[in-house]
Amino acid sequence: MDLKMDFKAAEALFKNEELNTLAATTEGAKYLRLRSLNRSKYLLDFLKKNEVDTENLKVKNQLAAAYKLDITLDDIDKFIKENYKLE
């Protein structure tokens, strides 16, 4: 069974370097993939693509906003492949 994990729980696991625990769940894998968009520009582009109003969104809140989206790991992977291919 894959339990839901909120952003704060995922962030705490990451900060405590419990990456195996994170990677073992879909929500944790979602957090890790979004975190891999290490440049603010990529995360901002991802949010805009998913129709998030980013005008007043602080950089420090971008990851949390992306995590709260109703998206799949495939959605994130597709975005990563499309954008890193351009570099």
C-alpha atoms as a PDB file:
ATOM      1  CA  MET A   1       0.000   0.000   0.000  1.00  0.00           C
ATOM      2  CA  ASP A   2       1.325   3.448  -0.967  1.00  0.00           C
ATOM      3  CA  LEU A   3       0.459   5.966   1.732  1.00  0.00           C
ATOM      4  CA  LYS A   4      -0.083   9.644   0.993  1.00  0.00           C
ATOM      5  CA  MET A   5       2.731  11.843   2.240  1.00  0.00           C
ATOM      6  CA  ASP A   6       2.353  15.580   2.668  1.00  0.00           C
ATOM      7  CA  PHE A   7       5.051  18.006   1.589  1.00  0.00           C
ATOM      8  CA  LYS A   8       6.360  18.657   5.100  1.00  0.00           C
ATOM      9  CA  ALA A   9       6.808  14.936   5.760  1.00  0.00           C
ATOM     10  CA  ALA A  10       8.632  14.448   2.453  1.00  0.00           C
ATOM     11  CA  GLU A  11      10.844  17.462   3.115  1.00  0.00           C
ATOM     12  CA  ALA A  12      11.680  16.197   6.614  1.00  0.00           C
ATOM     13  CA  LEU A  13      12.690  12.798   5.245  1.00  0.00           C
ATOM     14  CA  PHE A  14      14.883  14.511   2.640  1.00  0.00           C
ATOM     15  CA  LYS A  15      16.565  16.755   5.207  1.00  0.00           C
ATOM     16  CA  ASN A  16      17.206  13.715   7.424  1.00  0.00           C
ATOM     17  CA  GLU A  17      18.777  11.970   4.400  1.00  0.00           C
ATOM     18  CA  GLU A  18      16.194   9.166   4.489  1.00  0.00           C
ATOM     19  CA  LEU A  19      16.215   8.870   0.718  1.00  0.00           C
ATOM     20  CA  ASN A  20      15.411   5.154   0.653  1.00  0.00           C
ATOM     21  CA  THR A  21      12.258   5.810   2.668  1.00  0.00           C
ATOM     22  CA  LEU A  22      11.306   8.621   0.286  1.00  0.00           C
ATOM     23  CA  ALA A  23      12.003   6.602  -2.842  1.00  0.00           C
ATOM     24  CA  ALA A  24       9.918   3.682  -1.562  1.00  0.00           C
ATOM     25  CA  THR A  25       6.640   5.585  -2.019  1.00  0.00           C
ATOM     26  CA  THR A  26       5.050   7.254  -5.021  1.00  0.00           C
ATOM     27  CA  GLU A  27       4.694  10.529  -3.121  1.00  0.00           C
ATOM     28  CA  GLY A  28       8.326  10.380  -2.034  1.00  0.00           C
ATOM     29  CA  ALA A  29       9.471   9.653  -5.587  1.00  0.00           C
ATOM     30  CA  LYS A  30       7.356  12.611  -6.736  1.00  0.00           C
ATOM     31  CA  TYR A  31       9.180  14.841  -4.219  1.00  0.00           C
ATOM     32  CA  LEU A  32      12.595  13.598  -5.354  1.00  0.00           C
ATOM     33  CA  ARG A  33      11.815  14.096  -9.040  1.00  0.00           C
ATOM     34  CA  LEU A  34      10.500  17.601  -8.472  1.00  0.00           C
ATOM     35  CA  ARG A  35      13.538  18.347  -6.340  1.00  0.00           C
ATOM     36  CA  SER A  36      15.706  17.260  -9.275  1.00  0.00           C
ATOM     37  CA  LEU A  37      14.459  20.325 -11.147  1.00  0.00           C
ATOM     38  CA  ASN A  38      17.277  22.078  -9.317  1.00  0.00           C
ATOM     39  CA  ARG A  39      17.152  25.350 -11.184  1.00  0.00           C
ATOM     40  CA  SER A  40      14.370  27.694 -10.213  1.00  0.00           C
ATOM     41  CA  LYS A  41      13.749  28.324 -13.929  1.00  0.00           C
ATOM     42  CA  TYR A  42      12.816  24.665 -14.523  1.00  0.00           C
ATOM     43  CA  LEU A  43      10.525  24.524 -11.541  1.00  0.00           C
ATOM     44  CA  LEU A  44       8.918  27.803 -12.599  1.00  0.00           C
ATOM     45  CA  ASP A  45       8.434  26.488 -16.149  1.00  0.00           C
ATOM     46  CA  PHE A  46       6.903  23.299 -14.744  1.00  0.00           C
ATOM     47  CA  LEU A  47       4.465  25.299 -12.614  1.00  0.00           C
ATOM     48  CA  LYS A  48       3.464  27.498 -15.543  1.00  0.00           C
ATOM     49  CA  LYS A  49       2.967  24.449 -17.764  1.00  0.00           C
ATOM     50  CA  ASN A  50       0.592  23.118 -15.110  1.00  0.00           C
ATOM     51  CA  GLU A  51      -1.315  26.416 -15.038  1.00  0.00           C
ATOM     52  CA  VAL A  52      -0.147  27.603 -11.615  1.00  0.00           C
ATOM     53  CA  ASP A  53      -0.235  31.368 -11.102  1.00  0.00           C
ATOM     54  CA  THR A  54       3.409  32.122 -10.311  1.00  0.00           C
ATOM     55  CA  GLU A  55       3.279  35.900 -10.316  1.00  0.00           C
ATOM     56  CA  ASN A  56       3.349  36.242  -6.516  1.00  0.00           C
ATOM     57  CA  LEU A  57       4.863  32.848  -5.733  1.00  0.00           C
ATOM     58  CA  LYS A  58       8.151  33.102  -3.853  1.00  0.00           C
ATOM     59  CA  VAL A  59      11.024  30.923  -5.022  1.00  0.00           C
ATOM     60  CA  LYS A  60      11.138  29.139  -1.662  1.00  0.00           C
ATOM     61  CA  ASN A  61       7.482  28.073  -2.134  1.00  0.00           C
ATOM     62  CA  GLN A  62       7.783  26.772  -5.701  1.00  0.00           C
ATOM     63  CA  LEU A  63       8.665  23.197  -4.755  1.00  0.00           C
ATOM     64  CA  ALA A  64       5.737  22.937  -2.328  1.00  0.00           C
ATOM     65  CA  ALA A  65       3.375  24.339  -4.972  1.00  0.00           C
ATOM     66  CA  ALA A  66       4.562  21.789  -7.527  1.00  0.00           C
ATOM     67  CA  TYR A  67       4.260  18.945  -5.008  1.00  0.00           C
ATOM     68  CA  LYS A  68       0.633  19.819  -4.303  1.00  0.00           C
ATOM     69  CA  LEU A  69      -0.324  19.479  -7.973  1.00  0.00           C
ATOM     70  CA  ASP A  70      -2.354  16.477  -9.058  1.00  0.00           C
ATOM     71  CA  ILE A  71       0.386  15.083 -11.293  1.00  0.00           C
ATOM     72  CA  THR A  72       1.947  11.707 -11.926  1.00  0.00           C
ATOM     73  CA  LEU A  73       5.552  10.617 -12.006  1.00  0.00           C
ATOM     74  CA  ASP A  74       5.143  10.205 -15.770  1.00  0.00           C
ATOM     75  CA  ASP A  75       4.098  13.872 -16.045  1.00  0.00           C
ATOM     76  CA  ILE A  76       7.270  14.938 -14.247  1.00  0.00           C
ATOM     77  CA  ASP A  77       9.490  12.568 -16.232  1.00  0.00           C
ATOM     78  CA  LYS A  78       8.058  13.812 -19.520  1.00  0.00           C
ATOM     79  CA  PHE A  79       8.722  17.426 -18.527  1.00  0.00           C
ATOM     80  CA  ILE A  80      12.285  16.593 -17.464  1.00  0.00           C
ATOM     81  CA  LYS A  81      13.035  14.767 -20.731  1.00  0.00           C
ATOM     82  CA  GLU A  82      11.596  17.575 -22.842  1.00  0.00           C
ATOM     83  CA  ASN A  83      13.461  20.344 -21.048  1.00  0.00           C
ATOM     84  CA  TYR A  84      16.834  18.738 -20.484  1.00  0.00           C
ATOM     85  CA  LYS A  85      16.893  17.649 -24.127  1.00  0.00           C
ATOM     86  CA  LEU A  86      16.921  21.338 -25.091  1.00  0.00           C
ATOM     87  CA  GLU A  87      20.203  22.014 -23.274  1.00  0.00           C
END
